[in-house]
Protein backbone atom coordinates (compact mmCIF):
# COMPACT_ATOMS: atom_id res chain seq x y z
CA MET A 1 -61.08 44.56 -44.94
CA LEU A 2 -58.25 47.03 -44.70
CA THR A 3 -56.55 47.66 -48.03
CA LEU A 4 -52.84 47.60 -48.72
CA ASP A 5 -52.97 51.32 -49.51
CA GLN A 6 -54.53 52.02 -46.10
CA LEU A 7 -51.90 49.99 -44.31
CA ILE A 8 -49.09 51.75 -46.17
CA ALA A 9 -50.65 55.13 -45.35
CA TRP A 10 -50.74 54.05 -41.69
CA GLY A 11 -47.01 53.25 -41.80
CA GLY A 12 -47.02 49.62 -42.96
CA GLN A 13 -43.91 48.14 -44.55
CA LEU A 14 -43.74 45.66 -47.44
CA ARG A 15 -41.50 42.64 -46.86
CA SER A 16 -40.61 39.82 -49.27
CA TYR A 17 -40.53 36.21 -48.04
CA PRO A 18 -39.27 33.39 -50.26
CA LYS A 19 -41.18 30.11 -50.13
CA GLY A 20 -40.35 28.28 -46.91
CA LYS A 21 -39.35 31.39 -44.92
CA ILE A 22 -40.87 31.58 -41.44
CA ILE A 23 -42.73 34.84 -40.77
CA PHE A 24 -43.21 34.17 -37.06
CA PHE A 25 -42.99 31.20 -34.72
CA GLU A 26 -45.57 29.79 -32.35
CA GLY A 27 -45.00 31.30 -28.91
CA GLU A 28 -43.41 34.56 -30.15
CA GLU A 29 -44.95 37.79 -28.95
CA ALA A 30 -47.22 39.38 -31.56
CA GLN A 31 -45.63 42.60 -32.74
CA TYR A 32 -47.36 43.24 -36.07
CA PHE A 33 -50.60 43.21 -38.00
CA TYR A 34 -49.93 41.27 -41.24
CA MET A 35 -51.64 41.20 -44.64
CA VAL A 36 -50.72 39.22 -47.75
CA SER A 37 -49.97 41.47 -50.73
CA SER A 38 -49.11 38.54 -53.01
CA GLY A 39 -48.32 34.87 -52.64
CA LYS A 40 -49.58 32.45 -50.00
CA VAL A 41 -49.10 32.08 -46.24
CA LYS A 42 -49.79 29.03 -44.11
CA MET A 43 -50.34 29.09 -40.34
CA PHE A 44 -49.69 25.75 -38.65
CA ASN A 45 -48.83 23.82 -35.52
CA SER A 46 -46.43 20.87 -35.51
CA ASN A 47 -46.41 17.93 -33.12
CA ASP A 48 -43.35 16.12 -31.74
CA GLU A 49 -43.35 13.73 -34.70
CA GLY A 50 -43.23 16.62 -37.19
CA LYS A 51 -46.86 16.28 -38.33
CA ASP A 52 -48.40 19.63 -39.18
CA PHE A 53 -51.95 20.75 -38.55
CA ILE A 54 -52.85 23.73 -40.73
CA GLN A 55 -54.75 26.43 -38.88
CA GLY A 56 -55.33 28.50 -42.00
CA ILE A 57 -54.11 29.36 -45.49
CA PHE A 58 -54.08 33.01 -46.52
CA TYR A 59 -53.96 34.63 -49.95
CA GLU A 60 -53.76 38.13 -51.42
CA GLY A 61 -55.78 40.59 -49.33
CA ASP A 62 -56.09 38.26 -46.32
CA SER A 63 -54.83 39.37 -42.92
CA PHE A 64 -53.37 36.80 -40.55
CA GLY A 65 -51.94 36.48 -37.06
CA GLU A 66 -54.08 39.26 -35.60
CA PRO A 67 -55.93 37.48 -32.73
CA PRO A 68 -53.06 37.77 -30.20
CA LEU A 69 -52.94 41.52 -30.83
CA PHE A 70 -56.33 41.66 -29.10
CA THR A 71 -55.76 39.19 -26.25
CA GLU A 72 -54.02 39.32 -22.87
CA ASP A 73 -51.60 36.59 -23.96
CA LYS A 74 -49.84 38.32 -26.85
CA ARG A 75 -48.09 35.17 -28.10
CA TYR A 76 -48.85 33.56 -31.44
CA PRO A 77 -50.72 30.25 -31.03
CA ALA A 78 -49.25 28.95 -34.32
CA SER A 79 -46.33 29.55 -36.68
CA ALA A 80 -46.66 31.27 -40.06
CA ILE A 81 -44.63 30.42 -43.16
CA ALA A 82 -44.55 31.65 -46.75
CA ASP A 83 -46.10 28.71 -48.61
CA ALA A 84 -45.15 30.35 -51.91
CA ASP A 85 -42.99 33.38 -52.61
CA ALA A 86 -44.88 36.14 -50.84
CA VAL A 87 -44.94 39.86 -50.30
CA ILE A 88 -46.43 40.80 -46.95
CA ILE A 89 -47.26 44.14 -45.47
CA ARG A 90 -46.74 44.46 -41.75
CA LEU A 91 -47.85 47.24 -39.47
CA SER A 92 -46.55 47.53 -35.93
CA ARG A 93 -48.99 46.80 -33.12
CA GLN A 94 -48.60 50.39 -31.85
CA GLN A 95 -49.34 51.94 -35.26
CA PHE A 96 -52.26 49.54 -35.74
CA PHE A 97 -53.93 50.54 -32.47
CA ASP A 98 -53.13 54.22 -32.97
CA LYS A 99 -55.08 54.24 -36.26
CA LEU A 100 -57.79 51.60 -35.81
CA PRO A 101 -60.06 53.54 -33.38
CA GLN A 102 -60.31 56.36 -35.92
CA HIS A 103 -61.63 54.03 -38.63
CA TYR A 104 -64.91 52.42 -37.63
CA GLU A 105 -65.39 50.58 -40.93
CA ALA A 106 -61.93 48.99 -40.76
CA HIS A 107 -62.53 48.00 -37.13
CA LEU A 108 -65.83 46.35 -38.09
CA GLN A 109 -64.21 44.48 -40.99
CA ILE A 110 -61.46 43.12 -38.73
CA THR A 111 -64.07 42.02 -36.19
CA GLN A 112 -65.99 40.25 -38.99
CA ALA A 113 -62.79 38.54 -40.22
CA LEU A 114 -62.04 37.33 -36.68
CA ALA A 115 -65.62 36.10 -36.25
CA ASN A 116 -65.41 34.23 -39.58
CA ARG A 117 -62.16 32.61 -38.47
CA LEU A 118 -63.74 31.57 -35.18
CA ARG A 119 -66.66 30.08 -37.11
CA PHE A 120 -64.16 28.18 -39.31
CA LYS A 121 -62.35 26.80 -36.22
CA THR A 122 -65.66 25.67 -34.73
CA MET A 123 -66.61 23.97 -38.00
CA VAL A 124 -63.26 22.18 -38.23
CA SER A 125 -63.45 21.01 -34.61
CA HIS A 126 -66.96 19.67 -35.21
CA GLU A 127 -65.95 17.92 -38.43
CA ILE A 128 -62.86 16.29 -36.95
CA ALA A 129 -64.72 15.12 -33.85
CA ILE A 130 -67.69 13.33 -35.39
CA HIS A 131 -67.75 13.04 -39.18
CA SER A 132 -66.41 10.63 -41.79
CA PRO A 133 -63.35 11.55 -43.89
CA GLU A 134 -65.54 12.17 -46.97
CA HIS A 135 -67.80 14.53 -45.03
CA ARG A 136 -64.83 16.39 -43.47
CA LEU A 137 -63.20 16.81 -46.85
CA LEU A 138 -66.34 17.94 -48.65
CA THR A 139 -67.11 20.47 -45.90
CA MET A 140 -63.58 21.90 -46.17
CA LEU A 141 -63.77 22.10 -49.97
CA ARG A 142 -67.15 23.83 -49.82
CA TYR A 143 -65.81 26.29 -47.25
CA TYR A 144 -62.86 27.20 -49.50
CA LYS A 145 -65.15 27.58 -52.50
CA SER A 146 -67.49 29.88 -50.54
CA THR A 147 -64.52 31.95 -49.32
CA TYR A 148 -62.35 32.15 -52.45
CA GLY A 149 -64.46 30.91 -55.35
CA PRO A 150 -67.18 32.33 -57.57
CA GLU A 151 -70.77 32.62 -56.35
CA SER A 152 -71.81 30.01 -58.89
CA GLY A 153 -70.14 27.59 -61.24
CA PRO A 154 -67.15 25.31 -60.81
CA PHE A 155 -64.14 26.16 -58.65
CA GLU A 156 -60.72 24.57 -59.07
CA MET A 157 -59.02 24.03 -55.73
CA ASN A 158 -55.45 25.23 -55.36
CA LEU A 159 -54.95 23.08 -52.25
CA THR A 160 -52.68 20.04 -52.40
CA ARG A 161 -53.69 16.65 -51.01
CA GLN A 162 -51.15 17.23 -48.22
CA GLU A 163 -52.71 20.60 -47.35
CA LEU A 164 -56.17 19.03 -47.29
CA ALA A 165 -54.84 16.33 -44.96
CA ASP A 166 -53.25 18.93 -42.68
CA LEU A 167 -56.44 21.03 -42.63
CA THR A 168 -58.73 18.12 -41.78
CA GLY A 169 -56.52 16.03 -39.50
CA LEU A 170 -56.50 13.15 -42.00
CA ARG A 171 -53.64 11.22 -43.55
CA VAL A 172 -52.81 11.92 -47.20
CA GLU A 173 -53.76 8.36 -48.14
CA THR A 174 -57.17 8.86 -46.53
CA VAL A 175 -57.64 12.14 -48.42
CA ILE A 176 -56.83 10.40 -51.70
CA ARG A 177 -59.37 7.63 -50.98
CA ALA A 178 -61.99 10.17 -49.87
CA VAL A 179 -61.47 12.25 -53.03
CA LYS A 180 -61.95 9.15 -55.20
CA GLU A 181 -65.13 8.24 -53.30
CA LEU A 182 -66.51 11.79 -53.60
CA GLU A 183 -65.71 11.76 -57.31
CA ARG A 184 -67.50 8.41 -57.68
CA LYS A 185 -70.54 9.92 -55.95
CA GLY A 186 -70.47 12.96 -58.25
CA LYS A 187 -69.71 15.45 -55.44
CA LEU A 188 -66.55 16.70 -57.17
CA SER A 189 -64.46 16.05 -60.26
CA ILE A 190 -60.76 15.78 -61.03
CA GLU A 191 -59.53 17.86 -63.95
CA ASN A 192 -55.80 18.07 -64.79
CA HIS A 193 -55.01 16.53 -61.39
CA LYS A 194 -56.94 19.33 -59.62
CA ILE A 195 -60.07 18.96 -57.51
CA VAL A 196 -63.02 20.85 -59.00
CA ILE A 197 -66.16 21.44 -56.97
CA GLN A 198 -69.46 22.79 -58.31
C-alpha cells in the first residue's frame, strides 16, 4: 500500500482527530484520500433508532474512504469517526489522481485493497444472511486475525463486544452468549477479558 512518506511527498497533510471526532459524514462528497498514521478509525452507518452498523475498522497504515473517489457518485456511503485519538494523512482527490497514474505499484496495491474490502463485504453479507451467531462471530474473528494478526499462534482481539455486534449485525447480548459458546467449544479463549483466537 502507499506509505505515509509517499503521501506526504505527493502533498498529503497530517491532521489530528481526538476520539469521537467525525472525519466525514455519509452523503458528503469525497474530497480526499485518507490513511491512518496512528490511532483507529471506524466507518459506520446509523439507522433511525441510532443503531450503528460498522462497515470497517482501520488501523495504522490502512487507507479508508477511497471507493467514492473512483465512482460516478462521489458521495461517501458511510460516515467515518476517530474511534481513538488518531493522526490521519489526507491527500486531495486532485493530487491523488495527478500522482497515481505515474506509480503502477501503488495503483495495483490500491486496487488490491479495494478488492479485499469487496471480498470482506461479500463475506459479511453472506454471514448475516444465512449463518448462526456463533458462525458469524467466528468468521469475523478469523478475518481480523488473518488481516491484523500473526501468521501463526494466538491473536488477542482489540475489538469490543459492541464493535463485534456492530460488525456482524448482532446484539451485544447475543455476541456475549456466542463468545461463551465458542469458548466452551474450544474455538477461542478469554484472557484478561480479551478474546484470543488461535
